[in-house]
Amino acid sequence: MSRITACLQNLKQQNKKALIPFITAGDPQLDASVVLMHTLAGNGADIIELGIPFSDPMADGPVIQLADERALENGVTTTHVLNMVKEFRQTNQETPIVLMGYLNPIEAYGYEQFA
């Protein structure tokens, strides 16, 4: 069973809702993301949604657009995002992580390599 399924089933059994905060990887700083992920998990986040920065996030609102812009200015790449998840997993194997982003960076990274 996936971490997401287990988390949601557990919450359902307790008649609770999920707290799923979103952060853009690399915003406000590259080295802050993993710290933020641990802070969120330690303060009640059931699942963490981690945004992959994209240069043209037109389907998102201004807050995420600006966060993506700052992250890209910080040099964040898809490789960085995946490494952030890997680093987070070294000390937290329970909290589910959901990646949010556009197809373009994943396509550029390579579908097989991303999977």
C-alpha atoms as a PDB file:
ATOM      1  CA  MET A   1       0.000   0.000   0.000  1.00  0.00           C
ATOM      2  CA  SER A   2       1.334   3.449  -0.855  1.00  0.00           C
ATOM      3  CA  ARG A   3       2.101   6.027   1.816  1.00  0.00           C
ATOM      4  CA  ILE A   4      -0.687   8.218   0.442  1.00  0.00           C
ATOM      5  CA  THR A   5      -3.302   5.456   0.557  1.00  0.00           C
ATOM      6  CA  ALA A   6      -2.255   4.404   4.059  1.00  0.00           C
ATOM      7  CA  CYS A   7      -2.362   7.998   5.296  1.00  0.00           C
ATOM      8  CA  LEU A   8      -5.787   8.720   3.824  1.00  0.00           C
ATOM      9  CA  GLN A   9      -7.263   5.427   5.036  1.00  0.00           C
ATOM     10  CA  ASN A  10      -5.954   6.109   8.534  1.00  0.00           C
ATOM     11  CA  LEU A  11      -7.470   9.596   8.520  1.00  0.00           C
ATOM     12  CA  LYS A  12     -10.779   8.254   7.217  1.00  0.00           C
ATOM     13  CA  GLN A  13     -10.919   5.662  10.010  1.00  0.00           C
ATOM     14  CA  GLN A  14     -10.422   8.492  12.503  1.00  0.00           C
ATOM     15  CA  ASN A  15     -13.007  10.663  10.725  1.00  0.00           C
ATOM     16  CA  LYS A  16     -10.344  13.339  10.177  1.00  0.00           C
ATOM     17  CA  LYS A  17      -9.403  15.524   7.234  1.00  0.00           C
ATOM     18  CA  ALA A  18      -5.948  15.682   5.690  1.00  0.00           C
ATOM     19  CA  LEU A  19      -3.664  18.678   6.088  1.00  0.00           C
ATOM     20  CA  ILE A  20      -1.710  18.926   2.821  1.00  0.00           C
ATOM     21  CA  PRO A  21       0.467  22.056   2.671  1.00  0.00           C
ATOM     22  CA  PHE A  22       2.198  23.118  -0.539  1.00  0.00           C
ATOM     23  CA  ILE A  23       5.689  24.534  -0.927  1.00  0.00           C
ATOM     24  CA  THR A  24       7.719  25.238  -4.034  1.00  0.00           C
ATOM     25  CA  ALA A  25      11.056  23.427  -3.970  1.00  0.00           C
ATOM     26  CA  GLY A  26      13.885  25.935  -3.667  1.00  0.00           C
ATOM     27  CA  ASP A  27      11.789  28.835  -2.424  1.00  0.00           C
ATOM     28  CA  PRO A  28      12.806  30.923  -0.567  1.00  0.00           C
ATOM     29  CA  GLN A  29      16.251  29.256  -0.728  1.00  0.00           C
ATOM     30  CA  LEU A  30      17.544  25.989  -2.107  1.00  0.00           C
ATOM     31  CA  ASP A  31      18.763  24.708   1.261  1.00  0.00           C
ATOM     32  CA  ALA A  32      15.546  25.675   3.071  1.00  0.00           C
ATOM     33  CA  SER A  33      13.226  23.198   1.364  1.00  0.00           C
ATOM     34  CA  VAL A  34      14.140  20.040   3.271  1.00  0.00           C
ATOM     35  CA  VAL A  35      14.097  21.972   6.549  1.00  0.00           C
ATOM     36  CA  LEU A  36      10.630  23.276   5.662  1.00  0.00           C
ATOM     37  CA  MET A  37       9.451  19.774   4.773  1.00  0.00           C
ATOM     38  CA  HIS A  38      10.582  18.455   8.170  1.00  0.00           C
ATOM     39  CA  THR A  39       8.988  21.434   9.912  1.00  0.00           C
ATOM     40  CA  LEU A  40       5.685  20.808   8.133  1.00  0.00           C
ATOM     41  CA  ALA A  41       5.766  17.090   8.934  1.00  0.00           C
ATOM     42  CA  GLY A  42       6.640  17.810  12.556  1.00  0.00           C
ATOM     43  CA  ASN A  43       3.750  20.221  12.902  1.00  0.00           C
ATOM     44  CA  GLY A  44       0.919  18.069  11.638  1.00  0.00           C
ATOM     45  CA  ALA A  45       1.156  17.901   7.852  1.00  0.00           C
ATOM     46  CA  ASP A  46      -0.349  14.607   6.753  1.00  0.00           C
ATOM     47  CA  ILE A  47       0.985  14.855   3.194  1.00  0.00           C
ATOM     48  CA  ILE A  48       3.382  17.418   1.705  1.00  0.00           C
ATOM     49  CA  GLU A  49       2.881  18.744  -1.808  1.00  0.00           C
ATOM     50  CA  LEU A  50       6.223  19.792  -3.272  1.00  0.00           C
ATOM     51  CA  GLY A  51       6.171  21.979  -6.360  1.00  0.00           C
ATOM     52  CA  ILE A  52       8.639  21.493  -9.188  1.00  0.00           C
ATOM     53  CA  PRO A  53       9.492  25.030 -10.379  1.00  0.00           C
ATOM     54  CA  PHE A  54       8.614  25.898 -13.966  1.00  0.00           C
ATOM     55  CA  SER A  55       9.426  29.001 -15.986  1.00  0.00           C
ATOM     56  CA  ASP A  56       5.897  29.521 -17.346  1.00  0.00           C
ATOM     57  CA  PRO A  57       3.387  28.391 -14.685  1.00  0.00           C
ATOM     58  CA  MET A  58       0.354  29.981 -16.331  1.00  0.00           C
ATOM     59  CA  ALA A  59      -2.192  27.618 -14.739  1.00  0.00           C
ATOM     60  CA  ASP A  60      -1.122  28.794 -11.282  1.00  0.00           C
ATOM     61  CA  GLY A  61      -1.896  31.994  -9.451  1.00  0.00           C
ATOM     62  CA  PRO A  62       0.531  34.816  -8.717  1.00  0.00           C
ATOM     63  CA  VAL A  63       1.797  33.370  -5.421  1.00  0.00           C
ATOM     64  CA  ILE A  64       2.999  30.117  -7.004  1.00  0.00           C
ATOM     65  CA  GLN A  65       4.215  31.947 -10.115  1.00  0.00           C
ATOM     66  CA  LEU A  66       6.453  34.158  -7.963  1.00  0.00           C
ATOM     67  CA  ALA A  67       7.624  31.191  -5.880  1.00  0.00           C
ATOM     68  CA  ASP A  68       8.580  29.352  -9.084  1.00  0.00           C
ATOM     69  CA  GLU A  69      10.417  32.435 -10.313  1.00  0.00           C
ATOM     70  CA  ARG A  70      12.404  32.721  -7.077  1.00  0.00           C
ATOM     71  CA  ALA A  71      13.213  29.004  -7.076  1.00  0.00           C
ATOM     72  CA  LEU A  72      14.447  29.135 -10.664  1.00  0.00           C
ATOM     73  CA  GLU A  73      16.559  32.196  -9.817  1.00  0.00           C
ATOM     74  CA  ASN A  74      18.041  30.020  -7.048  1.00  0.00           C
ATOM     75  CA  GLY A  75      18.999  27.478  -9.716  1.00  0.00           C
ATOM     76  CA  VAL A  76      16.530  24.741  -8.764  1.00  0.00           C
ATOM     77  CA  THR A  77      16.224  21.897 -11.255  1.00  0.00           C
ATOM     78  CA  THR A  78      14.169  18.718 -11.351  1.00  0.00           C
ATOM     79  CA  THR A  79      17.264  16.878 -10.137  1.00  0.00           C
ATOM     80  CA  HIS A  80      17.394  19.162  -7.097  1.00  0.00           C
ATOM     81  CA  VAL A  81      13.733  18.454  -6.329  1.00  0.00           C
ATOM     82  CA  LEU A  82      14.203  14.685  -6.478  1.00  0.00           C
ATOM     83  CA  ASN A  83      17.316  14.973  -4.310  1.00  0.00           C
ATOM     84  CA  MET A  84      15.323  16.990  -1.761  1.00  0.00           C
ATOM     85  CA  VAL A  85      12.825  14.151  -1.501  1.00  0.00           C
ATOM     86  CA  LYS A  86      15.676  11.650  -1.174  1.00  0.00           C
ATOM     87  CA  GLU A  87      17.265  13.717   1.611  1.00  0.00           C
ATOM     88  CA  PHE A  88      13.914  14.086   3.400  1.00  0.00           C
ATOM     89  CA  ARG A  89      13.414  10.303   3.206  1.00  0.00           C
ATOM     90  CA  GLN A  90      16.684   9.687   5.053  1.00  0.00           C
ATOM     91  CA  THR A  91      14.991  10.735   8.298  1.00  0.00           C
ATOM     92  CA  ASN A  92      11.274  10.603   7.481  1.00  0.00           C
ATOM     93  CA  GLN A  93       9.952   7.509   5.776  1.00  0.00           C
ATOM     94  CA  GLU A  94       6.303   8.011   6.749  1.00  0.00           C
ATOM     95  CA  THR A  95       5.074  11.381   5.475  1.00  0.00           C
ATOM     96  CA  PRO A  96       3.824  11.086   1.892  1.00  0.00           C
ATOM     97  CA  ILE A  97       5.261  13.521  -0.649  1.00  0.00           C
ATOM     98  CA  VAL A  98       3.283  14.497  -3.738  1.00  0.00           C
ATOM     99  CA  LEU A  99       5.130  16.280  -6.531  1.00  0.00           C
ATOM    100  CA  MET A 100       3.204  18.996  -8.336  1.00  0.00           C
ATOM    101  CA  GLY A 101       4.347  20.497 -11.578  1.00  0.00           C
ATOM    102  CA  TYR A 102       4.033  20.842 -15.290  1.00  0.00           C
ATOM    103  CA  LEU A 103       4.861  18.201 -17.856  1.00  0.00           C
ATOM    104  CA  ASN A 104       7.589  20.284 -19.530  1.00  0.00           C
ATOM    105  CA  PRO A 105      10.286  19.890 -16.826  1.00  0.00           C
ATOM    106  CA  ILE A 106       9.515  16.174 -16.515  1.00  0.00           C
ATOM    107  CA  GLU A 107       9.712  15.730 -20.274  1.00  0.00           C
ATOM    108  CA  ALA A 108      13.038  17.593 -20.356  1.00  0.00           C
ATOM    109  CA  TYR A 109      14.327  15.446 -17.486  1.00  0.00           C
ATOM    110  CA  GLY A 110      13.204  12.263 -19.225  1.00  0.00           C
ATOM    111  CA  TYR A 111      10.102  10.216 -18.452  1.00  0.00           C
ATOM    112  CA  GLU A 112      11.966   6.986 -17.705  1.00  0.00           C
ATOM    113  CA  GLN A 113      14.562   8.705 -15.536  1.00  0.00           C
ATOM    114  CA  PHE A 114      11.833  10.607 -13.651  1.00  0.00           C
ATOM    115  CA  ALA A 115       9.786   7.462 -12.985  1.00  0.00           C
END
